[in-house]
């Protein structure tokens, strides 16, 4: 009972909202997180397109016209850039998040990341071929 407790509350310093500017690693992390906003909006745009396709030819034609506006084109280019950034950063971190182990050996990072890129390219070519681009 000899110790006396302080009645002053513990006050913790609140970091400023710009904490992620301190290190480039934090900035890359926050940039990657922001990409999800654009990918989410793009997903909603695709869902609206499916609804318009189901609604009939006039609704579909209006949807296609809306996609041709300058704002839509700029948004789609931004969404593409952010989707590519998101994909590249994920493929580069995949060896740490999903190490490939064979017995006691772990596959080199380049093999795991390279496998992701190879599957991405093969699937992209297949989808483009299936869509009639080639």
C-alpha atoms as a PDB file:
ATOM      1  CA  UNK A   1       0.000   0.000   0.000  1.00  0.00           C
ATOM      2  CA  UNK A   2       3.024   2.215   0.012  1.00  0.00           C
ATOM      3  CA  UNK A   3       2.612   3.233  -3.653  1.00  0.00           C
ATOM      4  CA  UNK A   4       0.404   6.102  -4.495  1.00  0.00           C
ATOM      5  CA  UNK A   5      -1.269   6.086  -7.908  1.00  0.00           C
ATOM      6  CA  UNK A   6      -1.300   9.198 -10.013  1.00  0.00           C
ATOM      7  CA  UNK A   7      -4.717  10.651 -10.782  1.00  0.00           C
ATOM      8  CA  UNK A   8      -3.500  12.269 -13.984  1.00  0.00           C
ATOM      9  CA  UNK A   9      -4.890  10.458 -17.050  1.00  0.00           C
ATOM     10  CA  UNK A  10      -2.515   8.930 -19.543  1.00  0.00           C
ATOM     11  CA  UNK A  11      -2.369  11.218 -22.545  1.00  0.00           C
ATOM     12  CA  UNK A  12      -1.132   9.672 -25.741  1.00  0.00           C
ATOM     13  CA  UNK A  13       0.094  11.797 -28.606  1.00  0.00           C
ATOM     14  CA  UNK A  14      -2.184  11.516 -31.630  1.00  0.00           C
ATOM     15  CA  UNK A  15      -0.184  11.247 -34.827  1.00  0.00           C
ATOM     16  CA  UNK A  16      -1.036  13.707 -37.584  1.00  0.00           C
ATOM     17  CA  UNK A  17      -3.094  12.459 -40.510  1.00  0.00           C
ATOM     18  CA  UNK A  18      -0.025  12.728 -42.723  1.00  0.00           C
ATOM     19  CA  UNK A  19       1.792   9.839 -41.010  1.00  0.00           C
ATOM     20  CA  UNK A  20       2.176   7.977 -44.279  1.00  0.00           C
ATOM     21  CA  UNK A  21       4.342  10.732 -45.797  1.00  0.00           C
ATOM     22  CA  UNK A  22       7.193   9.890 -43.411  1.00  0.00           C
ATOM     23  CA  UNK A  23       8.508   6.889 -45.307  1.00  0.00           C
ATOM     24  CA  UNK A  24       8.242   5.888 -48.982  1.00  0.00           C
ATOM     25  CA  UNK A  25       7.110   2.425 -47.895  1.00  0.00           C
ATOM     26  CA  UNK A  26       4.094   3.920 -46.116  1.00  0.00           C
ATOM     27  CA  UNK A  27       3.293   6.062 -49.147  1.00  0.00           C
ATOM     28  CA  UNK A  28       3.338   3.005 -51.433  1.00  0.00           C
ATOM     29  CA  UNK A  29       1.065   1.219 -48.968  1.00  0.00           C
ATOM     30  CA  UNK A  30      -1.448   4.076 -48.898  1.00  0.00           C
ATOM     31  CA  UNK A  31      -1.350   4.424 -52.687  1.00  0.00           C
ATOM     32  CA  UNK A  32      -2.136   0.729 -52.990  1.00  0.00           C
ATOM     33  CA  UNK A  33      -5.069   1.132 -50.599  1.00  0.00           C
ATOM     34  CA  UNK A  34      -6.454   4.105 -52.570  1.00  0.00           C
ATOM     35  CA  UNK A  35      -6.454   2.000 -55.732  1.00  0.00           C
ATOM     36  CA  UNK A  36      -9.222  -0.105 -54.237  1.00  0.00           C
ATOM     37  CA  UNK A  37     -11.576   2.900 -54.357  1.00  0.00           C
ATOM     38  CA  UNK A  38     -11.190   3.201 -58.135  1.00  0.00           C
ATOM     39  CA  UNK A  39     -11.505  -0.556 -58.614  1.00  0.00           C
ATOM     40  CA  UNK A  40     -14.687  -0.528 -56.513  1.00  0.00           C
ATOM     41  CA  UNK A  41     -16.199   2.303 -58.566  1.00  0.00           C
ATOM     42  CA  UNK A  42     -15.256   0.485 -61.777  1.00  0.00           C
ATOM     43  CA  UNK A  43     -16.997  -2.643 -60.466  1.00  0.00           C
ATOM     44  CA  UNK A  44     -20.169  -0.636 -59.844  1.00  0.00           C
ATOM     45  CA  UNK A  45     -19.956   0.770 -63.396  1.00  0.00           C
ATOM     46  CA  UNK A  46     -19.751  -2.782 -64.754  1.00  0.00           C
ATOM     47  CA  UNK A  47     -22.755  -3.843 -62.668  1.00  0.00           C
ATOM     48  CA  UNK A  48     -24.732  -0.863 -63.977  1.00  0.00           C
ATOM     49  CA  UNK A  49     -23.759  -1.967 -67.488  1.00  0.00           C
ATOM     50  CA  UNK A  50     -25.153  -5.436 -66.848  1.00  0.00           C
ATOM     51  CA  UNK A  51     -28.387  -3.922 -65.530  1.00  0.00           C
ATOM     52  CA  UNK A  52     -28.645  -1.706 -68.631  1.00  0.00           C
ATOM     53  CA  UNK A  53     -27.988  -4.692 -70.885  1.00  0.00           C
ATOM     54  CA  UNK A  54     -30.828  -6.536 -69.202  1.00  0.00           C
ATOM     55  CA  UNK A  55     -33.104  -3.488 -69.464  1.00  0.00           C
ATOM     56  CA  UNK A  56     -33.071  -3.528 -73.260  1.00  0.00           C
ATOM     57  CA  UNK A  57     -31.434  -2.058 -76.369  1.00  0.00           C
ATOM     58  CA  UNK A  58     -32.212   1.595 -75.600  1.00  0.00           C
ATOM     59  CA  UNK A  59     -30.822   1.382 -72.075  1.00  0.00           C
ATOM     60  CA  UNK A  60     -27.713  -0.411 -73.366  1.00  0.00           C
ATOM     61  CA  UNK A  61     -27.167   2.203 -76.084  1.00  0.00           C
ATOM     62  CA  UNK A  62     -27.427   4.976 -73.473  1.00  0.00           C
ATOM     63  CA  UNK A  63     -24.906   3.192 -71.286  1.00  0.00           C
ATOM     64  CA  UNK A  64     -22.465   2.885 -74.191  1.00  0.00           C
ATOM     65  CA  UNK A  65     -22.887   6.587 -74.997  1.00  0.00           C
ATOM     66  CA  UNK A  66     -22.170   7.488 -71.361  1.00  0.00           C
ATOM     67  CA  UNK A  67     -18.937   5.487 -71.555  1.00  0.00           C
ATOM     68  CA  UNK A  68     -17.766   7.652 -74.470  1.00  0.00           C
ATOM     69  CA  UNK A  69     -17.804  10.920 -72.518  1.00  0.00           C
ATOM     70  CA  UNK A  70     -14.419  12.513 -71.750  1.00  0.00           C
ATOM     71  CA  UNK A  71     -14.935  12.120 -68.003  1.00  0.00           C
ATOM     72  CA  UNK A  72     -15.666   8.427 -68.406  1.00  0.00           C
ATOM     73  CA  UNK A  73     -12.611   7.906 -70.605  1.00  0.00           C
ATOM     74  CA  UNK A  74     -10.365   9.700 -68.091  1.00  0.00           C
ATOM     75  CA  UNK A  75     -11.841   7.676 -65.219  1.00  0.00           C
ATOM     76  CA  UNK A  76     -11.319   4.403 -67.089  1.00  0.00           C
ATOM     77  CA  UNK A  77      -7.701   5.311 -67.841  1.00  0.00           C
ATOM     78  CA  UNK A  78      -7.140   6.141 -64.157  1.00  0.00           C
ATOM     79  CA  UNK A  79      -8.858   2.921 -63.097  1.00  0.00           C
ATOM     80  CA  UNK A  80      -6.662   0.962 -65.516  1.00  0.00           C
ATOM     81  CA  UNK A  81      -3.505   2.604 -64.170  1.00  0.00           C
ATOM     82  CA  UNK A  82      -4.530   1.907 -60.575  1.00  0.00           C
ATOM     83  CA  UNK A  83      -5.522  -1.683 -61.399  1.00  0.00           C
ATOM     84  CA  UNK A  84      -2.123  -2.251 -63.004  1.00  0.00           C
ATOM     85  CA  UNK A  85      -0.367  -0.688 -60.008  1.00  0.00           C
ATOM     86  CA  UNK A  86      -2.415  -2.855 -57.650  1.00  0.00           C
ATOM     87  CA  UNK A  87      -1.614  -5.985 -59.670  1.00  0.00           C
ATOM     88  CA  UNK A  88       2.116  -5.274 -59.934  1.00  0.00           C
ATOM     89  CA  UNK A  89       2.471  -4.523 -56.240  1.00  0.00           C
ATOM     90  CA  UNK A  90       0.527  -7.649 -55.295  1.00  0.00           C
ATOM     91  CA  UNK A  91       2.558  -9.884 -57.614  1.00  0.00           C
ATOM     92  CA  UNK A  92       5.776  -8.457 -56.186  1.00  0.00           C
ATOM     93  CA  UNK A  93       4.683  -9.105 -52.594  1.00  0.00           C
ATOM     94  CA  UNK A  94       3.166 -12.530 -53.364  1.00  0.00           C
ATOM     95  CA  UNK A  95       6.387 -14.437 -52.592  1.00  0.00           C
ATOM     96  CA  UNK A  96       6.293 -13.068 -49.035  1.00  0.00           C
ATOM     97  CA  UNK A  97       2.537 -13.560 -48.581  1.00  0.00           C
ATOM     98  CA  UNK A  98       2.348 -16.961 -50.300  1.00  0.00           C
ATOM     99  CA  UNK A  99       5.727 -18.710 -50.067  1.00  0.00           C
ATOM    100  CA  UNK A 100       5.846 -21.821 -52.235  1.00  0.00           C
ATOM    101  CA  UNK A 101       7.445 -24.666 -50.311  1.00  0.00           C
ATOM    102  CA  UNK A 102       8.675 -27.993 -51.701  1.00  0.00           C
ATOM    103  CA  UNK A 103       9.659 -30.174 -48.750  1.00  0.00           C
ATOM    104  CA  UNK A 104      12.260 -28.160 -46.898  1.00  0.00           C
ATOM    105  CA  UNK A 105      13.013 -25.853 -49.826  1.00  0.00           C
ATOM    106  CA  UNK A 106      11.241 -22.603 -50.548  1.00  0.00           C
ATOM    107  CA  UNK A 107      10.925 -21.455 -54.158  1.00  0.00           C
ATOM    108  CA  UNK A 108      12.831 -18.280 -55.044  1.00  0.00           C
ATOM    109  CA  UNK A 109      10.845 -15.048 -55.042  1.00  0.00           C
ATOM    110  CA  UNK A 110      11.369 -14.643 -58.782  1.00  0.00           C
ATOM    111  CA  UNK A 111       9.707 -18.008 -59.468  1.00  0.00           C
ATOM    112  CA  UNK A 112       6.599 -17.183 -57.425  1.00  0.00           C
ATOM    113  CA  UNK A 113       6.242 -13.653 -58.817  1.00  0.00           C
ATOM    114  CA  UNK A 114       7.083 -14.864 -62.329  1.00  0.00           C
ATOM    115  CA  UNK A 115       4.400 -17.526 -62.083  1.00  0.00           C
ATOM    116  CA  UNK A 116       1.827 -14.887 -61.197  1.00  0.00           C
ATOM    117  CA  UNK A 117       2.875 -12.718 -64.148  1.00  0.00           C
ATOM    118  CA  UNK A 118       2.860 -15.711 -66.525  1.00  0.00           C
ATOM    119  CA  UNK A 119      -0.660 -16.762 -65.518  1.00  0.00           C
ATOM    120  CA  UNK A 120      -1.808 -13.138 -65.808  1.00  0.00           C
ATOM    121  CA  UNK A 121      -0.449 -12.875 -69.362  1.00  0.00           C
ATOM    122  CA  UNK A 122      -1.861 -16.247 -70.455  1.00  0.00           C
ATOM    123  CA  UNK A 123      -5.324 -15.434 -69.059  1.00  0.00           C
ATOM    124  CA  UNK A 124      -5.267 -11.957 -70.606  1.00  0.00           C
ATOM    125  CA  UNK A 125      -4.390 -13.341 -74.050  1.00  0.00           C
ATOM    126  CA  UNK A 126      -7.083 -16.022 -73.689  1.00  0.00           C
ATOM    127  CA  UNK A 127      -9.735 -13.459 -72.737  1.00  0.00           C
ATOM    128  CA  UNK A 128      -8.716 -11.128 -75.571  1.00  0.00           C
ATOM    129  CA  UNK A 129      -8.799 -14.044 -78.022  1.00  0.00           C
ATOM    130  CA  UNK A 130     -12.198 -15.157 -76.708  1.00  0.00           C
ATOM    131  CA  UNK A 131     -13.500 -11.569 -77.023  1.00  0.00           C
ATOM    132  CA  UNK A 132     -12.462 -11.508 -80.681  1.00  0.00           C
ATOM    133  CA  UNK A 133      -9.579  -9.041 -80.418  1.00  0.00           C
ATOM    134  CA  UNK A 134      -7.203 -11.481 -82.158  1.00  0.00           C
END
